[in-house]
């Protein structure tokens, strides 16, 4: 049986972290900025994976804490 050919996604080009939203804007994820946090949540309310968001590992961790805080305070 022949295995199907997998398409590879293009790698990020340029500097490391060039795709990170928070690195580009020189900010950190904050639970009070609800409109920005909604960009990183799926339509079902789940936090999107780091591969999808394009954030650095540090900012992804800070983002998950900020989203959880906003949920607890019922901002999201």
PDB file of N, CA and C in Angstrom:
ATOM      1  N   UNK A   1       0.844  -1.174   0.000  1.00  0.00           N
ATOM      2  CA  UNK A   1       0.000   0.000   0.000  1.00  0.00           C
ATOM      3  C   UNK A   1       0.890   1.238   0.000  1.00  0.00           C
ATOM      4  N   UNK A   2       0.574   2.161  -0.838  1.00  0.00           N
ATOM      5  CA  UNK A   2       1.371   3.375  -0.972  1.00  0.00           C
ATOM      6  C   UNK A   2       0.878   4.411   0.037  1.00  0.00           C
ATOM      7  N   UNK A   3       1.831   5.005   0.765  1.00  0.00           N
ATOM      8  CA  UNK A   3       1.442   6.015   1.750  1.00  0.00           C
ATOM      9  C   UNK A   3       1.150   7.341   1.046  1.00  0.00           C
ATOM     10  N   UNK A   4       0.171   8.075   1.553  1.00  0.00           N
ATOM     11  CA  UNK A   4      -0.161   9.355   0.917  1.00  0.00           C
ATOM     12  C   UNK A   4       0.959  10.378   1.124  1.00  0.00           C
ATOM     13  N   UNK A   5       1.078  11.273   0.176  1.00  0.00           N
ATOM     14  CA  UNK A   5       2.101  12.313   0.264  1.00  0.00           C
ATOM     15  C   UNK A   5       1.580  13.416   1.183  1.00  0.00           C
ATOM     16  N   UNK A   6       2.390  13.774   2.147  1.00  0.00           N
ATOM     17  CA  UNK A   6       1.985  14.815   3.084  1.00  0.00           C
ATOM     18  C   UNK A   6       2.520  16.167   2.610  1.00  0.00           C
ATOM     19  N   UNK A   7       1.653  17.142   2.667  1.00  0.00           N
ATOM     20  CA  UNK A   7       2.072  18.499   2.312  1.00  0.00           C
ATOM     21  C   UNK A   7       2.677  19.157   3.551  1.00  0.00           C
ATOM     22  N   UNK A   8       3.805  19.771   3.372  1.00  0.00           N
ATOM     23  CA  UNK A   8       4.443  20.446   4.491  1.00  0.00           C
ATOM     24  C   UNK A   8       4.054  21.918   4.498  1.00  0.00           C
ATOM     25  N   UNK A   9       3.843  22.424   5.713  1.00  0.00           N
ATOM     26  CA  UNK A   9       3.540  23.841   5.837  1.00  0.00           C
ATOM     27  C   UNK A   9       4.831  24.628   5.718  1.00  0.00           C
ATOM     28  N   UNK A  10       4.800  25.806   5.123  1.00  0.00           N
ATOM     29  CA  UNK A  10       6.027  26.600   5.021  1.00  0.00           C
ATOM     30  C   UNK A  10       6.497  27.056   6.395  1.00  0.00           C
ATOM     31  N   UNK A  11       7.787  27.019   6.587  1.00  0.00           N
ATOM     32  CA  UNK A  11       8.355  27.434   7.861  1.00  0.00           C
ATOM     33  C   UNK A  11       8.375  28.947   7.950  1.00  0.00           C
ATOM     34  N   UNK A  12       8.412  29.437   9.188  1.00  0.00           N
ATOM     35  CA  UNK A  12       8.517  30.876   9.387  1.00  0.00           C
ATOM     36  C   UNK A  12       9.876  31.337   8.885  1.00  0.00           C
ATOM     37  N   UNK A  13       9.863  32.384   8.125  1.00  0.00           N
ATOM     38  CA  UNK A  13      11.111  32.900   7.606  1.00  0.00           C
ATOM     39  C   UNK A  13      11.502  34.148   8.379  1.00  0.00           C
ATOM     40  N   UNK A  14      12.755  34.480   8.349  1.00  0.00           N
ATOM     41  CA  UNK A  14      13.218  35.682   9.035  1.00  0.00           C
ATOM     42  C   UNK A  14      13.666  35.374  10.448  1.00  0.00           C
ATOM     43  N   UNK A  15      13.637  36.407  11.282  1.00  0.00           N
ATOM     44  CA  UNK A  15      14.092  36.264  12.660  1.00  0.00           C
ATOM     45  C   UNK A  15      13.168  35.367  13.469  1.00  0.00           C
ATOM     46  N   UNK A  16      13.732  34.765  14.504  1.00  0.00           N
ATOM     47  CA  UNK A  16      12.931  33.936  15.388  1.00  0.00           C
ATOM     48  C   UNK A  16      11.965  34.835  16.151  1.00  0.00           C
ATOM     49  N   UNK A  17      10.703  34.450  16.191  1.00  0.00           N
ATOM     50  CA  UNK A  17       9.701  35.229  16.888  1.00  0.00           C
ATOM     51  C   UNK A  17       9.135  36.368  16.053  1.00  0.00           C
ATOM     52  N   UNK A  18       9.422  36.386  14.768  1.00  0.00           N
ATOM     53  CA  UNK A  18       8.928  37.464  13.924  1.00  0.00           C
ATOM     54  C   UNK A  18       7.411  37.379  13.756  1.00  0.00           C
ATOM     55  N   UNK A  19       6.833  36.188  13.919  1.00  0.00           N
ATOM     56  CA  UNK A  19       5.406  36.018  13.729  1.00  0.00           C
ATOM     57  C   UNK A  19       4.608  36.293  15.009  1.00  0.00           C
ATOM     58  N   UNK A  20       5.266  36.413  16.147  1.00  0.00           N
ATOM     59  CA  UNK A  20       4.581  36.576  17.424  1.00  0.00           C
ATOM     60  C   UNK A  20       3.937  37.955  17.512  1.00  0.00           C
ATOM     61  N   UNK A  21       2.640  37.980  17.787  1.00  0.00           N
ATOM     62  CA  UNK A  21       1.891  39.228  17.869  1.00  0.00           C
ATOM     63  C   UNK A  21       2.419  40.124  18.982  1.00  0.00           C
ATOM     64  N   UNK A  22       2.667  39.547  20.141  1.00  0.00           N
ATOM     65  CA  UNK A  22       3.079  40.343  21.298  1.00  0.00           C
ATOM     66  C   UNK A  22       4.516  40.833  21.176  1.00  0.00           C
ATOM     67  N   UNK A  23       5.371  40.072  20.524  1.00  0.00           N
ATOM     68  CA  UNK A  23       6.744  40.503  20.299  1.00  0.00           C
ATOM     69  C   UNK A  23       6.774  41.649  19.299  1.00  0.00           C
ATOM     70  N   UNK A  24       5.954  41.585  18.277  1.00  0.00           N
ATOM     71  CA  UNK A  24       5.906  42.651  17.279  1.00  0.00           C
ATOM     72  C   UNK A  24       5.434  43.964  17.885  1.00  0.00           C
ATOM     73  N   UNK A  25       4.431  43.895  18.755  1.00  0.00           N
ATOM     74  CA  UNK A  25       3.856  45.104  19.349  1.00  0.00           C
ATOM     75  C   UNK A  25       4.527  45.494  20.665  1.00  0.00           C
ATOM     76  N   UNK A  26       5.497  44.699  21.102  1.00  0.00           N
ATOM     77  CA  UNK A  26       6.246  44.955  22.342  1.00  0.00           C
ATOM     78  C   UNK A  26       5.308  45.093  23.541  1.00  0.00           C
ATOM     79  N   UNK A  27       4.370  44.154  23.641  1.00  0.00           N
ATOM     80  CA  UNK A  27       3.440  44.112  24.763  1.00  0.00           C
ATOM     81  C   UNK A  27       3.448  42.718  25.358  1.00  0.00           C
ATOM     82  N   UNK A  28       2.680  42.539  26.413  1.00  0.00           N
ATOM     83  CA  UNK A  28       2.488  41.224  27.021  1.00  0.00           C
ATOM     84  C   UNK A  28       1.000  40.942  27.084  1.00  0.00           C
ATOM     85  N   UNK A  29       0.616  39.669  27.075  1.00  0.00           N
ATOM     86  CA  UNK A  29      -0.809  39.334  27.179  1.00  0.00           C
ATOM     87  C   UNK A  29      -1.383  39.813  28.512  1.00  0.00           C
ATOM     88  N   UNK A  30      -2.540  40.470  28.443  1.00  0.00           N
ATOM     89  CA  UNK A  30      -3.184  40.996  29.643  1.00  0.00           C
ATOM     90  C   UNK A  30      -4.645  40.564  29.639  1.00  0.00           C
ATOM     91  N   UNK A  31      -5.156  40.173  30.794  1.00  0.00           N
ATOM     92  CA  UNK A  31      -6.514  39.660  30.875  1.00  0.00           C
ATOM     93  C   UNK A  31      -7.566  40.730  30.610  1.00  0.00           C
ATOM     94  N   UNK A  32      -7.201  42.003  30.719  1.00  0.00           N
ATOM     95  CA  UNK A  32      -8.167  43.082  30.523  1.00  0.00           C
ATOM     96  C   UNK A  32      -8.386  43.420  29.051  1.00  0.00           C
ATOM     97  N   UNK A  33      -7.492  43.004  28.186  1.00  0.00           N
ATOM     98  CA  UNK A  33      -7.607  43.276  26.753  1.00  0.00           C
ATOM     99  C   UNK A  33      -8.368  42.139  26.070  1.00  0.00           C
ATOM    100  N   UNK A  34      -9.670  42.175  26.198  1.00  0.00           N
ATOM    101  CA  UNK A  34     -10.520  41.075  25.761  1.00  0.00           C
ATOM    102  C   UNK A  34     -10.510  40.918  24.243  1.00  0.00           C
ATOM    103  N   UNK A  35     -10.499  42.023  23.512  1.00  0.00           N
ATOM    104  CA  UNK A  35     -10.534  41.936  22.048  1.00  0.00           C
ATOM    105  C   UNK A  35      -9.286  41.256  21.495  1.00  0.00           C
ATOM    106  N   UNK A  36      -8.146  41.491  22.128  1.00  0.00           N
ATOM    107  CA  UNK A  36      -6.916  40.837  21.686  1.00  0.00           C
ATOM    108  C   UNK A  36      -6.941  39.360  22.055  1.00  0.00           C
ATOM    109  N   UNK A  37      -7.444  39.037  23.232  1.00  0.00           N
ATOM    110  CA  UNK A  37      -7.484  37.642  23.674  1.00  0.00           C
ATOM    111  C   UNK A  37      -8.410  36.804  22.791  1.00  0.00           C
ATOM    112  N   UNK A  38      -9.456  37.399  22.271  1.00  0.00           N
ATOM    113  CA  UNK A  38     -10.400  36.652  21.430  1.00  0.00           C
ATOM    114  C   UNK A  38      -9.773  36.164  20.139  1.00  0.00           C
ATOM    115  N   UNK A  39      -8.702  36.806  19.712  1.00  0.00           N
ATOM    116  CA  UNK A  39      -8.013  36.369  18.492  1.00  0.00           C
ATOM    117  C   UNK A  39      -7.378  34.995  18.675  1.00  0.00           C
ATOM    118  N   UNK A  40      -7.076  34.636  19.916  1.00  0.00           N
ATOM    119  CA  UNK A  40      -6.355  33.403  20.205  1.00  0.00           C
ATOM    120  C   UNK A  40      -7.251  32.329  20.801  1.00  0.00           C
ATOM    121  N   UNK A  41      -8.567  32.472  20.637  1.00  0.00           N
ATOM    122  CA  UNK A  41      -9.533  31.500  21.144  1.00  0.00           C
ATOM    123  C   UNK A  41     -10.341  30.973  19.961  1.00  0.00           C
ATOM    124  N   UNK A  42     -10.620  29.672  19.957  1.00  0.00           N
ATOM    125  CA  UNK A  42     -11.417  29.079  18.883  1.00  0.00           C
ATOM    126  C   UNK A  42     -12.883  29.480  19.040  1.00  0.00           C
ATOM    127  N   UNK A  43     -13.697  29.105  18.066  1.00  0.00           N
ATOM    128  CA  UNK A  43     -15.121  29.438  18.135  1.00  0.00           C
ATOM    129  C   UNK A  43     -15.823  28.669  19.254  1.00  0.00           C
ATOM    130  N   UNK A  44     -15.215  27.613  19.727  1.00  0.00           N
ATOM    131  CA  UNK A  44     -15.767  26.854  20.854  1.00  0.00           C
ATOM    132  C   UNK A  44     -15.238  27.322  22.200  1.00  0.00           C
ATOM    133  N   UNK A  45     -14.369  28.321  22.188  1.00  0.00           N
ATOM    134  CA  UNK A  45     -13.863  28.885  23.439  1.00  0.00           C
ATOM    135  C   UNK A  45     -12.591  28.254  23.944  1.00  0.00           C
ATOM    136  N   UNK A  46     -11.942  27.445  23.117  1.00  0.00           N
ATOM    137  CA  UNK A  46     -10.700  26.796  23.537  1.00  0.00           C
ATOM    138  C   UNK A  46      -9.502  27.645  23.134  1.00  0.00           C
ATOM    139  N   UNK A  47      -8.433  27.535  23.901  1.00  0.00           N
ATOM    140  CA  UNK A  47      -7.207  28.253  23.596  1.00  0.00           C
ATOM    141  C   UNK A  47      -6.535  27.571  22.413  1.00  0.00           C
ATOM    142  N   UNK A  48      -6.173  28.358  21.402  1.00  0.00           N
ATOM    143  CA  UNK A  48      -5.535  27.803  20.214  1.00  0.00           C
ATOM    144  C   UNK A  48      -4.103  27.397  20.518  1.00  0.00           C
ATOM    145  N   UNK A  49      -3.616  26.415  19.800  1.00  0.00           N
ATOM    146  CA  UNK A  49      -2.284  25.859  19.996  1.00  0.00           C
ATOM    147  C   UNK A  49      -1.219  26.830  19.504  1.00  0.00           C
ATOM    148  N   UNK A  50      -0.032  26.679  20.029  1.00  0.00           N
ATOM    149  CA  UNK A  50       1.089  27.561  19.699  1.00  0.00           C
ATOM    150  C   UNK A  50       1.433  27.509  18.214  1.00  0.00           C
ATOM    151  N   UNK A  51       1.269  26.354  17.589  1.00  0.00           N
ATOM    152  CA  UNK A  51       1.539  26.245  16.158  1.00  0.00           C
ATOM    153  C   UNK A  51       0.563  27.086  15.342  1.00  0.00           C
ATOM    154  N   UNK A  52      -0.641  27.236  15.834  1.00  0.00           N
ATOM    155  CA  UNK A  52      -1.664  28.001  15.126  1.00  0.00           C
ATOM    156  C   UNK A  52      -1.496  29.497  15.382  1.00  0.00           C
ATOM    157  N   UNK A  53      -1.226  29.867  16.625  1.00  0.00           N
ATOM    158  CA  UNK A  53      -1.143  31.282  16.975  1.00  0.00           C
ATOM    159  C   UNK A  53       0.164  31.908  16.523  1.00  0.00           C
ATOM    160  N   UNK A  54       1.238  31.138  16.462  1.00  0.00           N
ATOM    161  CA  UNK A  54       2.525  31.674  16.049  1.00  0.00           C
ATOM    162  C   UNK A  54       3.237  32.438  17.148  1.00  0.00           C
ATOM    163  N   UNK A  55       2.826  32.247  18.392  1.00  0.00           N
ATOM    164  CA  UNK A  55       3.450  32.947  19.505  1.00  0.00           C
ATOM    165  C   UNK A  55       4.704  32.221  19.980  1.00  0.00           C
ATOM    166  N   UNK A  56       5.544  32.953  20.690  1.00  0.00           N
ATOM    167  CA  UNK A  56       6.697  32.319  21.316  1.00  0.00           C
ATOM    168  C   UNK A  56       6.195  31.497  22.503  1.00  0.00           C
ATOM    169  N   UNK A  57       7.048  30.622  23.003  1.00  0.00           N
ATOM    170  CA  UNK A  57       6.642  29.737  24.100  1.00  0.00           C
ATOM    171  C   UNK A  57       6.297  30.539  25.356  1.00  0.00           C
ATOM    172  N   UNK A  58       7.081  31.546  25.636  1.00  0.00           N
ATOM    173  CA  UNK A  58       6.841  32.376  26.823  1.00  0.00           C
ATOM    174  C   UNK A  58       5.517  33.120  26.711  1.00  0.00           C
ATOM    175  N   UNK A  59       5.271  33.726  25.550  1.00  0.00           N
ATOM    176  CA  UNK A  59       4.029  34.472  25.369  1.00  0.00           C
ATOM    177  C   UNK A  59       2.816  33.552  25.310  1.00  0.00           C
ATOM    178  N   UNK A  60       2.998  32.330  24.837  1.00  0.00           N
ATOM    179  CA  UNK A  60       1.887  31.372  24.825  1.00  0.00           C
ATOM    180  C   UNK A  60       1.494  30.998  26.253  1.00  0.00           C
ATOM    181  N   UNK A  61       2.475  30.823  27.116  1.00  0.00           N
ATOM    182  CA  UNK A  61       2.175  30.524  28.525  1.00  0.00           C
ATOM    183  C   UNK A  61       1.480  31.706  29.188  1.00  0.00           C
ATOM    184  N   UNK A  62       1.981  32.921  28.954  1.00  0.00           N
ATOM    185  CA  UNK A  62       1.350  34.111  29.523  1.00  0.00           C
ATOM    186  C   UNK A  62      -0.060  34.303  28.971  1.00  0.00           C
ATOM    187  N   UNK A  63      -0.249  33.974  27.700  1.00  0.00           N
ATOM    188  CA  UNK A  63      -1.564  34.095  27.082  1.00  0.00           C
ATOM    189  C   UNK A  63      -2.563  33.148  27.732  1.00  0.00           C
ATOM    190  N   UNK A  64      -2.160  31.914  27.985  1.00  0.00           N
ATOM    191  CA  UNK A  64      -3.084  30.950  28.578  1.00  0.00           C
ATOM    192  C   UNK A  64      -3.500  31.382  29.979  1.00  0.00           C
ATOM    193  N   UNK A  65      -2.567  31.956  30.748  1.00  0.00           N
ATOM    194  CA  UNK A  65      -2.905  32.453  32.087  1.00  0.00           C
ATOM    195  C   UNK A  65      -3.861  33.637  31.979  1.00  0.00           C
ATOM    196  N   UNK A  66      -3.611  34.537  31.029  1.00  0.00           N
ATOM    197  CA  UNK A  66      -4.469  35.704  30.859  1.00  0.00           C
ATOM    198  C   UNK A  66      -5.877  35.302  30.438  1.00  0.00           C
ATOM    199  N   UNK A  67      -5.991  34.319  29.541  1.00  0.00           N
ATOM    200  CA  UNK A  67      -7.312  33.857  29.102  1.00  0.00           C
ATOM    201  C   UNK A  67      -8.058  33.209  30.259  1.00  0.00           C
ATOM    202  N   UNK A  68      -7.363  32.424  31.059  1.00  0.00           N
ATOM    203  CA  UNK A  68      -8.013  31.769  32.195  1.00  0.00           C
ATOM    204  C   UNK A  68      -8.477  32.798  33.228  1.00  0.00           C
ATOM    205  N   UNK A  69      -7.707  33.853  33.437  1.00  0.00           N
ATOM    206  CA  UNK A  69      -8.108  34.914  34.358  1.00  0.00           C
ATOM    207  C   UNK A  69      -9.336  35.648  33.823  1.00  0.00           C
ATOM    208  N   UNK A  70      -9.338  35.930  32.519  1.00  0.00           N
ATOM    209  CA  UNK A  70     -10.471  36.631  31.914  1.00  0.00           C
ATOM    210  C   UNK A  70     -11.728  35.771  31.971  1.00  0.00           C
ATOM    211  N   UNK A  71     -11.587  34.472  31.825  1.00  0.00           N
ATOM    212  CA  UNK A  71     -12.743  33.575  31.940  1.00  0.00           C
ATOM    213  C   UNK A  71     -13.283  33.592  33.358  1.00  0.00           C
ATOM    214  N   UNK A  72     -12.380  33.555  34.333  1.00  0.00           N
ATOM    215  CA  UNK A  72     -12.785  33.518  35.739  1.00  0.00           C
ATOM    216  C   UNK A  72     -13.553  34.790  36.104  1.00  0.00           C
ATOM    217  N   UNK A  73     -13.124  35.915  35.566  1.00  0.00           N
ATOM    218  CA  UNK A  73     -13.793  37.187  35.849  1.00  0.00           C
ATOM    219  C   UNK A  73     -14.965  37.449  34.901  1.00  0.00           C
ATOM    220  N   UNK A  74     -15.282  36.454  34.096  1.00  0.00           N
ATOM    221  CA  UNK A  74     -16.375  36.468  33.113  1.00  0.00           C
ATOM    222  C   UNK A  74     -16.249  37.635  32.128  1.00  0.00           C
ATOM    223  N   UNK A  75     -15.036  37.937  31.739  1.00  0.00           N
ATOM    224  CA  UNK A  75     -14.819  38.909  30.673  1.00  0.00           C
ATOM    225  C   UNK A  75     -14.903  38.226  29.313  1.00  0.00           C
ATOM    226  N   UNK A  76     -14.605  36.926  29.289  1.00  0.00           N
ATOM    227  CA  UNK A  76     -14.702  36.138  28.056  1.00  0.00           C
ATOM    228  C   UNK A  76     -15.844  35.153  28.195  1.00  0.00           C
TER     229      UNK A  76
END
